Amino acid sequence: MKQKLLLLFISCLFSTVAIAQLGTFTDDFQTDTSTMNWFESGASPNPPTYAVDDGPSGIGDHYMTNVASGTGGPGGRMVVRNVTQWTGDYTSAGVLSIKFDARAISSDLDFRVAMNGAGGTISSTNFVTVTVGSGWQQVIISVVAADMIEVTSNAGSGFDKVATLADVNELRILSSPTPAYAGEIISATMDLDNISAGTTLGIDQFSIVNDFKISPNPSTSELNIQLSEVNDDLKVEVFDILGKRILFKDISQVNTRINVSGWESGVYLVKVSNDGSTQTKRFIKQ
């Protein structure tokens, strides 16, 4: 009995550590001369490699580069994989986005993220295009359930995006004009740096959206949304943990009160948007 309890304790401890680590580290490729467990499928003749200089911060800033040949065989698609430090329960860890710096060489790239897990393969519905010649660009991809979709791949078909987000066994960064688990077949080079998990969504330059606050949190009866200012384009959406939208309304005041007494207890995602900028925060209904 004691041995079983010890094994259970160790299992829970490692699960807790894995959850905690998801939002606390950045793959910046500075600590060693490796690709930090990022790799390609199969026996690729052109796997991702470590580059010493010319990252977003210039000389001395290391990064990872990956070449896609554009052929139908191994190494022909633009995708990198990680099955080590990027596994775990994204929902419990509060991970709302995957952030990274990216640069496109020789061809424009449509960046997405994809995952495999308990509910099969899923992909982000949103993507960010980085064009050739634009240099390093920050990319933020939402991975909340409302912004993910089940996809079919050679690893099987996705059937439950919520289950996958709660038990991810592989993360992919890829280029594809449509949601996919495998990257597109393209002749191009993709440079990546500073890969991290975000607990907020949005771009810093949109101050109105980034200033929004929610309170009380948790709450049993009402949700207050507070903004520093308002304009004609502000909207709020609320999604449940399954990705179903349960509320949509325009925001016309700096303080908006929402009655949540009839909502089921659980975790909700509150999304405020303003002319292309979006930020999402977690709300707990008790």
C-alpha atoms as a PDB file:
ATOM      1  CA  MET A   1       0.000   0.000   0.000  1.00  0.00           C
ATOM      2  CA  LYS A   2       2.779   2.437   0.956  1.00  0.00           C
ATOM      3  CA  GLN A   3       4.547   1.751  -2.338  1.00  0.00           C
ATOM      4  CA  LYS A   4       1.355   2.439  -4.312  1.00  0.00           C
ATOM      5  CA  LEU A   5       0.782   5.706  -2.443  1.00  0.00           C
ATOM      6  CA  LEU A   6       4.392   6.731  -3.080  1.00  0.00           C
ATOM      7  CA  LEU A   7       4.062   6.030  -6.804  1.00  0.00           C
ATOM      8  CA  LEU A   8       0.795   7.974  -6.912  1.00  0.00           C
ATOM      9  CA  PHE A   9       2.430  10.914  -5.113  1.00  0.00           C
ATOM     10  CA  ILE A  10       5.390  10.923  -7.518  1.00  0.00           C
ATOM     11  CA  SER A  11       3.033  10.766 -10.514  1.00  0.00           C
ATOM     12  CA  CYS A  12       0.995  13.717  -9.223  1.00  0.00           C
ATOM     13  CA  LEU A  13       4.174  15.655  -8.425  1.00  0.00           C
ATOM     14  CA  PHE A  14       5.539  15.277 -11.949  1.00  0.00           C
ATOM     15  CA  SER A  15       2.156  16.215 -13.433  1.00  0.00           C
ATOM     16  CA  THR A  16       2.062  19.373 -11.301  1.00  0.00           C
ATOM     17  CA  VAL A  17       5.620  20.309 -12.291  1.00  0.00           C
ATOM     18  CA  ALA A  18       4.812  19.797 -15.991  1.00  0.00           C
ATOM     19  CA  ILE A  19       1.751  22.041 -15.717  1.00  0.00           C
ATOM     20  CA  ALA A  20       3.697  24.748 -13.911  1.00  0.00           C
ATOM     21  CA  GLN A  21       6.580  24.699 -16.387  1.00  0.00           C
ATOM     22  CA  LEU A  22       4.444  25.294 -19.477  1.00  0.00           C
ATOM     23  CA  GLY A  23       4.019  29.003 -18.796  1.00  0.00           C
ATOM     24  CA  THR A  24       7.416  29.716 -17.275  1.00  0.00           C
ATOM     25  CA  PHE A  25      10.099  28.995 -19.865  1.00  0.00           C
ATOM     26  CA  THR A  26      11.166  30.310 -23.259  1.00  0.00           C
ATOM     27  CA  ASP A  27      12.973  28.380 -25.978  1.00  0.00           C
ATOM     28  CA  ASP A  28      15.526  31.094 -26.800  1.00  0.00           C
ATOM     29  CA  PHE A  29      18.315  28.773 -28.040  1.00  0.00           C
ATOM     30  CA  GLN A  30      20.893  30.647 -25.944  1.00  0.00           C
ATOM     31  CA  THR A  31      21.787  28.015 -23.350  1.00  0.00           C
ATOM     32  CA  ASP A  32      23.339  25.395 -25.628  1.00  0.00           C
ATOM     33  CA  THR A  33      24.072  24.649 -29.271  1.00  0.00           C
ATOM     34  CA  SER A  34      20.997  22.505 -29.934  1.00  0.00           C
ATOM     35  CA  THR A  35      17.498  23.002 -31.323  1.00  0.00           C
ATOM     36  CA  MET A  36      16.073  22.384 -27.820  1.00  0.00           C
ATOM     37  CA  ASN A  37      14.228  19.170 -28.793  1.00  0.00           C
ATOM     38  CA  TRP A  38      12.577  20.619 -31.923  1.00  0.00           C
ATOM     39  CA  PHE A  39      12.803  18.246 -34.873  1.00  0.00           C
ATOM     40  CA  GLU A  40      11.225  17.171 -38.172  1.00  0.00           C
ATOM     41  CA  SER A  41       9.304  14.034 -39.058  1.00  0.00           C
ATOM     42  CA  GLY A  42      11.076  10.996 -40.461  1.00  0.00           C
ATOM     43  CA  ALA A  43      14.587  10.915 -41.853  1.00  0.00           C
ATOM     44  CA  SER A  44      14.583  14.507 -43.075  1.00  0.00           C
ATOM     45  CA  PRO A  45      17.665  15.446 -45.135  1.00  0.00           C
ATOM     46  CA  ASN A  46      17.272  19.033 -43.890  1.00  0.00           C
ATOM     47  CA  PRO A  47      16.258  18.976 -40.201  1.00  0.00           C
ATOM     48  CA  PRO A  48      16.089  22.153 -38.102  1.00  0.00           C
ATOM     49  CA  THR A  49      19.481  23.497 -37.068  1.00  0.00           C
ATOM     50  CA  TYR A  50      20.940  25.866 -34.488  1.00  0.00           C
ATOM     51  CA  ALA A  51      22.139  29.265 -35.771  1.00  0.00           C
ATOM     52  CA  VAL A  52      24.664  31.331 -33.806  1.00  0.00           C
ATOM     53  CA  ASP A  53      24.013  34.933 -34.852  1.00  0.00           C
ATOM     54  CA  ASP A  54      21.415  37.247 -36.406  1.00  0.00           C
ATOM     55  CA  GLY A  55      18.450  36.518 -34.134  1.00  0.00           C
ATOM     56  CA  PRO A  56      15.923  39.275 -33.331  1.00  0.00           C
ATOM     57  CA  SER A  57      18.477  41.003 -31.073  1.00  0.00           C
ATOM     58  CA  GLY A  58      21.275  40.831 -33.641  1.00  0.00           C
ATOM     59  CA  ILE A  59      24.827  39.645 -33.098  1.00  0.00           C
ATOM     60  CA  GLY A  60      25.082  36.992 -30.415  1.00  0.00           C
ATOM     61  CA  ASP A  61      21.364  36.167 -30.462  1.00  0.00           C
ATOM     62  CA  HIS A  62      20.978  32.490 -31.328  1.00  0.00           C
ATOM     63  CA  TYR A  63      17.922  31.014 -33.050  1.00  0.00           C
ATOM     64  CA  MET A  64      16.623  27.938 -34.871  1.00  0.00           C
ATOM     65  CA  THR A  65      16.313  27.696 -38.634  1.00  0.00           C
ATOM     66  CA  ASN A  66      14.402  25.129 -40.688  1.00  0.00           C
ATOM     67  CA  VAL A  67      14.447  24.501 -44.435  1.00  0.00           C
ATOM     68  CA  ALA A  68      11.613  22.906 -46.427  1.00  0.00           C
ATOM     69  CA  SER A  69      12.630  21.543 -49.821  1.00  0.00           C
ATOM     70  CA  GLY A  70       9.182  21.696 -51.411  1.00  0.00           C
ATOM     71  CA  THR A  71       9.278  18.045 -52.437  1.00  0.00           C
ATOM     72  CA  GLY A  72       6.781  15.383 -51.458  1.00  0.00           C
ATOM     73  CA  GLY A  73       9.208  13.369 -49.349  1.00  0.00           C
ATOM     74  CA  PRO A  74      10.829  13.865 -45.931  1.00  0.00           C
ATOM     75  CA  GLY A  75      11.883  17.464 -45.361  1.00  0.00           C
ATOM     76  CA  GLY A  76       9.524  18.810 -48.006  1.00  0.00           C
ATOM     77  CA  ARG A  77       6.984  20.406 -45.652  1.00  0.00           C
ATOM     78  CA  MET A  78       7.395  23.474 -43.441  1.00  0.00           C
ATOM     79  CA  VAL A  79       6.868  22.139 -39.929  1.00  0.00           C
ATOM     80  CA  VAL A  80       8.846  21.575 -36.730  1.00  0.00           C
ATOM     81  CA  ARG A  81       7.789  19.315 -33.851  1.00  0.00           C
ATOM     82  CA  ASN A  82       8.344  19.055 -30.106  1.00  0.00           C
ATOM     83  CA  VAL A  83       7.329  16.127 -27.903  1.00  0.00           C
ATOM     84  CA  THR A  84       9.378  17.015 -24.830  1.00  0.00           C
ATOM     85  CA  GLN A  85       8.972  20.275 -22.917  1.00  0.00           C
ATOM     86  CA  TRP A  86       5.791  21.368 -24.712  1.00  0.00           C
ATOM     87  CA  THR A  87       3.581  18.503 -23.528  1.00  0.00           C
ATOM     88  CA  GLY A  88       1.025  18.686 -20.733  1.00  0.00           C
ATOM     89  CA  ASP A  89      -2.272  20.243 -19.682  1.00  0.00           C
ATOM     90  CA  TYR A  90      -2.513  23.621 -21.418  1.00  0.00           C
ATOM     91  CA  THR A  91      -5.932  24.329 -19.907  1.00  0.00           C
ATOM     92  CA  SER A  92      -4.883  23.907 -16.275  1.00  0.00           C
ATOM     93  CA  ALA A  93      -1.658  25.817 -16.917  1.00  0.00           C
ATOM     94  CA  GLY A  94      -3.688  28.772 -18.214  1.00  0.00           C
ATOM     95  CA  VAL A  95      -1.957  28.767 -21.610  1.00  0.00           C
ATOM     96  CA  LEU A  96      -3.950  30.947 -24.018  1.00  0.00           C
ATOM     97  CA  SER A  97      -1.412  31.482 -26.799  1.00  0.00           C
ATOM     98  CA  ILE A  98       1.893  30.382 -28.283  1.00  0.00           C
ATOM     99  CA  LYS A  99       4.272  33.267 -28.942  1.00  0.00           C
ATOM    100  CA  PHE A 100       7.465  33.338 -30.974  1.00  0.00           C
ATOM    101  CA  ASP A 101       9.643  35.520 -33.174  1.00  0.00           C
ATOM    102  CA  ALA A 102       9.677  34.438 -36.811  1.00  0.00           C
ATOM    103  CA  ARG A 103      11.404  35.356 -40.047  1.00  0.00           C
ATOM    104  CA  ALA A 104      10.548  34.165 -43.566  1.00  0.00           C
ATOM    105  CA  ILE A 105      13.343  33.565 -46.071  1.00  0.00           C
ATOM    106  CA  SER A 106      12.646  33.141 -49.819  1.00  0.00           C
ATOM    107  CA  SER A 107       8.852  32.608 -49.468  1.00  0.00           C
ATOM    108  CA  ASP A 108       6.052  34.167 -47.401  1.00  0.00           C
ATOM    109  CA  LEU A 109       4.902  31.892 -44.559  1.00  0.00           C
ATOM    110  CA  ASP A 110       1.462  31.492 -42.927  1.00  0.00           C
ATOM    111  CA  PHE A 111       2.258  30.541 -39.338  1.00  0.00           C
ATOM    112  CA  ARG A 112      -0.030  28.270 -37.322  1.00  0.00           C
ATOM    113  CA  VAL A 113       0.352  25.910 -34.394  1.00  0.00           C
ATOM    114  CA  ALA A 114      -0.981  22.363 -34.200  1.00  0.00           C
ATOM    115  CA  MET A 115      -1.171  19.749 -31.456  1.00  0.00           C
ATOM    116  CA  ASN A 116      -1.792  16.076 -30.877  1.00  0.00           C
ATOM    117  CA  GLY A 117      -3.193  14.676 -27.671  1.00  0.00           C
ATOM    118  CA  ALA A 118      -6.011  12.843 -25.962  1.00  0.00           C
ATOM    119  CA  GLY A 119      -8.581  14.188 -28.425  1.00  0.00           C
ATOM    120  CA  GLY A 120      -6.527  13.669 -31.580  1.00  0.00           C
ATOM    121  CA  THR A 121      -4.937  16.226 -33.888  1.00  0.00           C
ATOM    122  CA  ILE A 122      -5.999  19.888 -33.820  1.00  0.00           C
ATOM    123  CA  SER A 123      -4.840  23.099 -35.496  1.00  0.00           C
ATOM    124  CA  SER A 124      -5.247  26.815 -34.923  1.00  0.00           C
ATOM    125  CA  THR A 125      -7.917  28.464 -37.046  1.00  0.00           C
ATOM    126  CA  ASN A 126      -6.002  31.744 -36.915  1.00  0.00           C
ATOM    127  CA  PHE A 127      -2.675  32.299 -38.651  1.00  0.00           C
ATOM    128  CA  VAL A 128      -0.121  35.088 -38.990  1.00  0.00           C
ATOM    129  CA  THR A 129       1.584  35.799 -42.311  1.00  0.00           C
ATOM    130  CA  VAL A 130       5.238  36.809 -42.216  1.00  0.00           C
ATOM    131  CA  THR A 131       6.462  38.131 -45.550  1.00  0.00           C
ATOM    132  CA  VAL A 132       9.889  37.863 -47.120  1.00  0.00           C
ATOM    133  CA  GLY A 133      11.993  40.927 -46.395  1.00  0.00           C
ATOM    134  CA  SER A 134       9.996  42.008 -43.331  1.00  0.00           C
ATOM    135  CA  GLY A 135      12.679  40.727 -40.946  1.00  0.00           C
ATOM    136  CA  TRP A 136      11.892  39.315 -37.543  1.00  0.00           C
ATOM    137  CA  GLN A 137       8.230  39.597 -36.529  1.00  0.00           C
ATOM    138  CA  GLN A 138       6.495  38.643 -33.286  1.00  0.00           C
ATOM    139  CA  VAL A 139       3.807  36.021 -33.863  1.00  0.00           C
ATOM    140  CA  ILE A 140       1.031  35.310 -31.355  1.00  0.00           C
ATOM    141  CA  ILE A 141      -1.297  32.388 -32.070  1.00  0.00           C
ATOM    142  CA  SER A 142      -4.346  31.801 -29.871  1.00  0.00           C
ATOM    143  CA  VAL A 143      -4.713  28.230 -28.621  1.00  0.00           C
ATOM    144  CA  VAL A 144      -7.965  28.611 -26.676  1.00  0.00           C
ATOM    145  CA  ALA A 145     -10.600  26.037 -27.622  1.00  0.00           C
ATOM    146  CA  ALA A 146     -12.656  28.593 -29.559  1.00  0.00           C
ATOM    147  CA  ASP A 147      -9.678  29.220 -31.870  1.00  0.00           C
ATOM    148  CA  MET A 148      -8.726  25.577 -32.497  1.00  0.00           C
ATOM    149  CA  ILE A 149     -10.266  22.993 -34.826  1.00  0.00           C
ATOM    150  CA  GLU A 150     -10.017  19.222 -35.198  1.00  0.00           C
ATOM    151  CA  VAL A 151      -8.101  18.147 -38.323  1.00  0.00           C
ATOM    152  CA  THR A 152      -7.305  14.880 -40.075  1.00  0.00           C
ATOM    153  CA  SER A 153      -3.692  13.787 -40.490  1.00  0.00           C
ATOM    154  CA  ASN A 154      -1.523  10.716 -40.921  1.00  0.00           C
ATOM    155  CA  ALA A 155      -1.584  10.515 -37.105  1.00  0.00           C
ATOM    156  CA  GLY A 156      -5.367  10.066 -37.196  1.00  0.00           C
ATOM    157  CA  SER A 157      -8.394  12.331 -36.991  1.00  0.00           C
ATOM    158  CA  GLY A 158      -9.040  14.918 -34.335  1.00  0.00           C
ATOM    159  CA  PHE A 159     -12.307  14.393 -32.466  1.00  0.00           C
ATOM    160  CA  ASP A 160     -12.145  16.453 -29.235  1.00  0.00           C
ATOM    161  CA  LYS A 161     -10.082  19.666 -29.157  1.00  0.00           C
ATOM    162  CA  VAL A 162     -10.848  20.280 -25.471  1.00  0.00           C
ATOM    163  CA  ALA A 163      -9.443  16.860 -24.542  1.00  0.00           C
ATOM    164  CA  THR A 164      -6.296  17.505 -26.576  1.00  0.00           C
ATOM    165  CA  LEU A 165      -5.707  20.896 -24.942  1.00  0.00           C
ATOM    166  CA  ALA A 166      -5.955  19.194 -21.545  1.00  0.00           C
ATOM    167  CA  ASP A 167      -3.438  16.481 -22.489  1.00  0.00           C
ATOM    168  CA  VAL A 168      -1.029  17.577 -25.241  1.00  0.00           C
ATOM    169  CA  ASN A 169       1.665  15.105 -26.282  1.00  0.00           C
ATOM    170  CA  GLU A 170       3.047  17.083 -29.241  1.00  0.00           C
ATOM    171  CA  LEU A 171       3.249  20.734 -30.306  1.00  0.00           C
ATOM    172  CA  ARG A 172       3.970  21.822 -33.860  1.00  0.00           C
ATOM    173  CA  ILE A 173       4.822  25.167 -35.445  1.00  0.00           C
ATOM    174  CA  LEU A 174       4.095  25.140 -39.148  1.00  0.00           C
ATOM    175  CA  SER A 175       3.181  27.112 -42.223  1.00  0.00           C
ATOM    176  CA  SER A 176      -0.121  26.408 -43.954  1.00  0.00           C
ATOM    177  CA  PRO A 177      -2.785  28.611 -45.575  1.00  0.00           C
ATOM    178  CA  THR A 178      -5.488  26.373 -44.046  1.00  0.00           C
ATOM    179  CA  PRO A 179      -5.746  24.591 -40.664  1.00  0.00           C
ATOM    180  CA  ALA A 180      -3.471  21.545 -40.801  1.00  0.00           C
ATOM    181  CA  TYR A 181      -1.336  19.190 -38.750  1.00  0.00           C
ATOM    182  CA  ALA A 182       1.303  18.781 -41.448  1.00  0.00           C
ATOM    183  CA  GLY A 183       2.947  21.874 -42.876  1.00  0.00           C
ATOM    184  CA  GLU A 184       2.498  22.921 -46.465  1.00  0.00           C
ATOM    185  CA  ILE A 185       4.797  21.617 -49.193  1.00  0.00           C
ATOM    186  CA  ILE A 186       6.902  24.683 -49.977  1.00  0.00           C
ATOM    187  CA  SER A 187      10.462  25.633 -50.828  1.00  0.00           C
ATOM    188  CA  ALA A 188      11.340  28.084 -48.063  1.00  0.00           C
ATOM    189  CA  THR A 189      13.335  28.764 -44.912  1.00  0.00           C
ATOM    190  CA  MET A 190      11.741  29.476 -41.531  1.00  0.00           C
ATOM    191  CA  ASP A 191      13.670  31.089 -38.671  1.00  0.00           C
ATOM    192  CA  LEU A 192      12.278  30.855 -35.108  1.00  0.00           C
ATOM    193  CA  ASP A 193      13.296  32.263 -31.734  1.00  0.00           C
ATOM    194  CA  ASN A 194      11.906  33.004 -28.251  1.00  0.00           C
ATOM    195  CA  ILE A 195       9.122  30.401 -28.305  1.00  0.00           C
ATOM    196  CA  SER A 196       6.951  30.762 -25.205  1.00  0.00           C
ATOM    197  CA  ALA A 197       3.482  30.109 -23.811  1.00  0.00           C
ATOM    198  CA  GLY A 198       1.311  33.154 -23.206  1.00  0.00           C
ATOM    199  CA  THR A 199      -1.378  33.596 -20.578  1.00  0.00           C
ATOM    200  CA  THR A 200      -2.827  36.612 -22.417  1.00  0.00           C
ATOM    201  CA  LEU A 201      -3.645  37.291 -26.052  1.00  0.00           C
ATOM    202  CA  GLY A 202      -3.005  40.483 -27.957  1.00  0.00           C
ATOM    203  CA  ILE A 203      -0.437  42.929 -29.300  1.00  0.00           C
ATOM    204  CA  ASP A 204       0.954  45.548 -26.925  1.00  0.00           C
ATOM    205  CA  GLN A 205       0.336  48.487 -29.262  1.00  0.00           C
ATOM    206  CA  PHE A 206      -3.450  48.218 -28.761  1.00  0.00           C
ATOM    207  CA  SER A 207      -3.583  49.837 -25.331  1.00  0.00           C
ATOM    208  CA  ILE A 208      -7.369  49.998 -24.950  1.00  0.00           C
ATOM    209  CA  VAL A 209      -7.792  46.244 -25.200  1.00  0.00           C
ATOM    210  CA  ASN A 210      -4.687  45.440 -23.173  1.00  0.00           C
ATOM    211  CA  ASP A 211      -5.872  47.632 -20.305  1.00  0.00           C
ATOM    212  CA  PHE A 212      -9.088  45.715 -19.699  1.00  0.00           C
ATOM    213  CA  LYS A 213      -9.629  44.157 -16.275  1.00  0.00           C
ATOM    214  CA  ILE A 214     -12.213  41.713 -14.973  1.00  0.00           C
ATOM    215  CA  SER A 215     -13.535  41.510 -11.421  1.00  0.00           C
ATOM    216  CA  PRO A 216     -14.475  39.889  -9.179  1.00  0.00           C
ATOM    217  CA  ASN A 217     -12.730  36.724 -10.259  1.00  0.00           C
ATOM    218  CA  PRO A 218     -13.941  34.160  -9.219  1.00  0.00           C
ATOM    219  CA  SER A 219     -17.554  35.301  -8.956  1.00  0.00           C
ATOM    220  CA  THR A 220     -20.993  33.812  -8.354  1.00  0.00           C
ATOM    221  CA  SER A 221     -23.307  36.538  -9.648  1.00  0.00           C
ATOM    222  CA  GLU A 222     -21.674  39.216 -11.787  1.00  0.00           C
ATOM    223  CA  LEU A 223     -18.667  39.959 -13.966  1.00  0.00           C
ATOM    224  CA  ASN A 224     -17.359  43.502 -14.295  1.00  0.00           C
ATOM    225  CA  ILE A 225     -15.245  44.530 -17.289  1.00  0.00           C
ATOM    226  CA  GLN A 226     -13.230  47.707 -16.822  1.00  0.00           C
ATOM    227  CA  LEU A 227     -11.464  49.603 -19.633  1.00  0.00           C
ATOM    228  CA  SER A 228      -9.278  52.697 -19.635  1.00  0.00           C
ATOM    229  CA  GLU A 229     -11.360  54.179 -22.489  1.00  0.00           C
ATOM    230  CA  VAL A 230     -13.862  53.120 -25.148  1.00  0.00           C
ATOM    231  CA  ASN A 231     -14.475  53.589 -28.862  1.00  0.00           C
ATOM    232  CA  ASP A 232     -17.089  52.498 -31.396  1.00  0.00           C
ATOM    233  CA  ASP A 233     -15.407  49.192 -32.233  1.00  0.00           C
ATOM    234  CA  LEU A 234     -15.112  47.515 -28.834  1.00  0.00           C
ATOM    235  CA  LYS A 235     -16.817  44.144 -28.393  1.00  0.00           C
ATOM    236  CA  VAL A 236     -16.839  41.448 -25.740  1.00  0.00           C
ATOM    237  CA  GLU A 237     -17.354  37.723 -26.293  1.00  0.00           C
ATOM    238  CA  VAL A 238     -17.476  34.980 -23.675  1.00  0.00           C
ATOM    239  CA  PHE A 239     -16.789  31.306 -24.449  1.00  0.00           C
ATOM    240  CA  ASP A 240     -17.216  28.253 -22.266  1.00  0.00           C
ATOM    241  CA  ILE A 241     -14.468  25.655 -21.919  1.00  0.00           C
ATOM    242  CA  LEU A 242     -15.882  23.721 -24.899  1.00  0.00           C
ATOM    243  CA  GLY A 243     -15.409  26.741 -27.163  1.00  0.00           C
ATOM    244  CA  LYS A 244     -19.129  27.586 -27.390  1.00  0.00           C
ATOM    245  CA  ARG A 245     -19.846  31.316 -27.466  1.00  0.00           C
ATOM    246  CA  ILE A 246     -22.390  32.186 -24.779  1.00  0.00           C
ATOM    247  CA  LEU A 247     -22.268  35.984 -24.954  1.00  0.00           C
ATOM    248  CA  PHE A 248     -21.553  38.668 -27.557  1.00  0.00           C
ATOM    249  CA  LYS A 249     -22.156  42.383 -27.112  1.00  0.00           C
ATOM    250  CA  ASP A 250     -20.799  45.820 -27.955  1.00  0.00           C
ATOM    251  CA  ILE A 251     -19.028  47.790 -25.237  1.00  0.00           C
ATOM    252  CA  SER A 252     -20.040  51.447 -24.960  1.00  0.00           C
ATOM    253  CA  GLN A 253     -18.879  52.273 -21.423  1.00  0.00           C
ATOM    254  CA  VAL A 254     -15.606  51.987 -19.530  1.00  0.00           C
ATOM    255  CA  ASN A 255     -17.388  49.793 -16.982  1.00  0.00           C
ATOM    256  CA  THR A 256     -19.597  46.948 -18.199  1.00  0.00           C
ATOM    257  CA  ARG A 257     -21.504  44.672 -15.823  1.00  0.00           C
ATOM    258  CA  ILE A 258     -22.600  41.189 -16.900  1.00  0.00           C
ATOM    259  CA  ASN A 259     -25.024  39.009 -14.932  1.00  0.00           C
ATOM    260  CA  VAL A 260     -23.489  35.535 -14.632  1.00  0.00           C
ATOM    261  CA  SER A 261     -25.803  34.087 -11.991  1.00  0.00           C
ATOM    262  CA  GLY A 262     -27.376  31.752 -14.547  1.00  0.00           C
ATOM    263  CA  TRP A 263     -24.085  30.398 -15.881  1.00  0.00           C
ATOM    264  CA  GLU A 264     -22.840  26.931 -15.016  1.00  0.00           C
ATOM    265  CA  SER A 265     -19.893  26.791 -12.626  1.00  0.00           C
ATOM    266  CA  GLY A 266     -16.569  26.479 -14.414  1.00  0.00           C
ATOM    267  CA  VAL A 267     -13.909  28.279 -16.434  1.00  0.00           C
ATOM    268  CA  TYR A 268     -14.837  30.806 -19.133  1.00  0.00           C
ATOM    269  CA  LEU A 269     -12.783  32.847 -21.600  1.00  0.00           C
ATOM    270  CA  VAL A 270     -13.583  36.568 -21.817  1.00  0.00           C
ATOM    271  CA  LYS A 271     -12.431  38.038 -25.140  1.00  0.00           C
ATOM    272  CA  VAL A 272     -12.343  41.798 -25.739  1.00  0.00           C
ATOM    273  CA  SER A 273     -11.601  42.978 -29.288  1.00  0.00           C
ATOM    274  CA  ASN A 274     -10.939  46.348 -30.846  1.00  0.00           C
ATOM    275  CA  ASP A 275     -10.281  46.889 -34.566  1.00  0.00           C
ATOM    276  CA  GLY A 276      -8.200  43.747 -35.077  1.00  0.00           C
ATOM    277  CA  SER A 277      -6.660  43.577 -31.595  1.00  0.00           C
ATOM    278  CA  THR A 278      -7.820  40.850 -29.236  1.00  0.00           C
ATOM    279  CA  GLN A 279      -7.046  39.898 -25.669  1.00  0.00           C
ATOM    280  CA  THR A 280      -8.521  36.989 -23.748  1.00  0.00           C
ATOM    281  CA  LYS A 281      -8.648  36.435 -19.988  1.00  0.00           C
ATOM    282  CA  ARG A 282      -9.846  33.525 -17.876  1.00  0.00           C
ATOM    283  CA  PHE A 283     -12.897  33.943 -15.662  1.00  0.00           C
ATOM    284  CA  ILE A 284     -14.060  31.440 -13.051  1.00  0.00           C
ATOM    285  CA  LYS A 285     -17.776  31.160 -12.287  1.00  0.00           C
ATOM    286  CA  GLN A 286     -18.399  29.620  -8.873  1.00  0.00           C
END
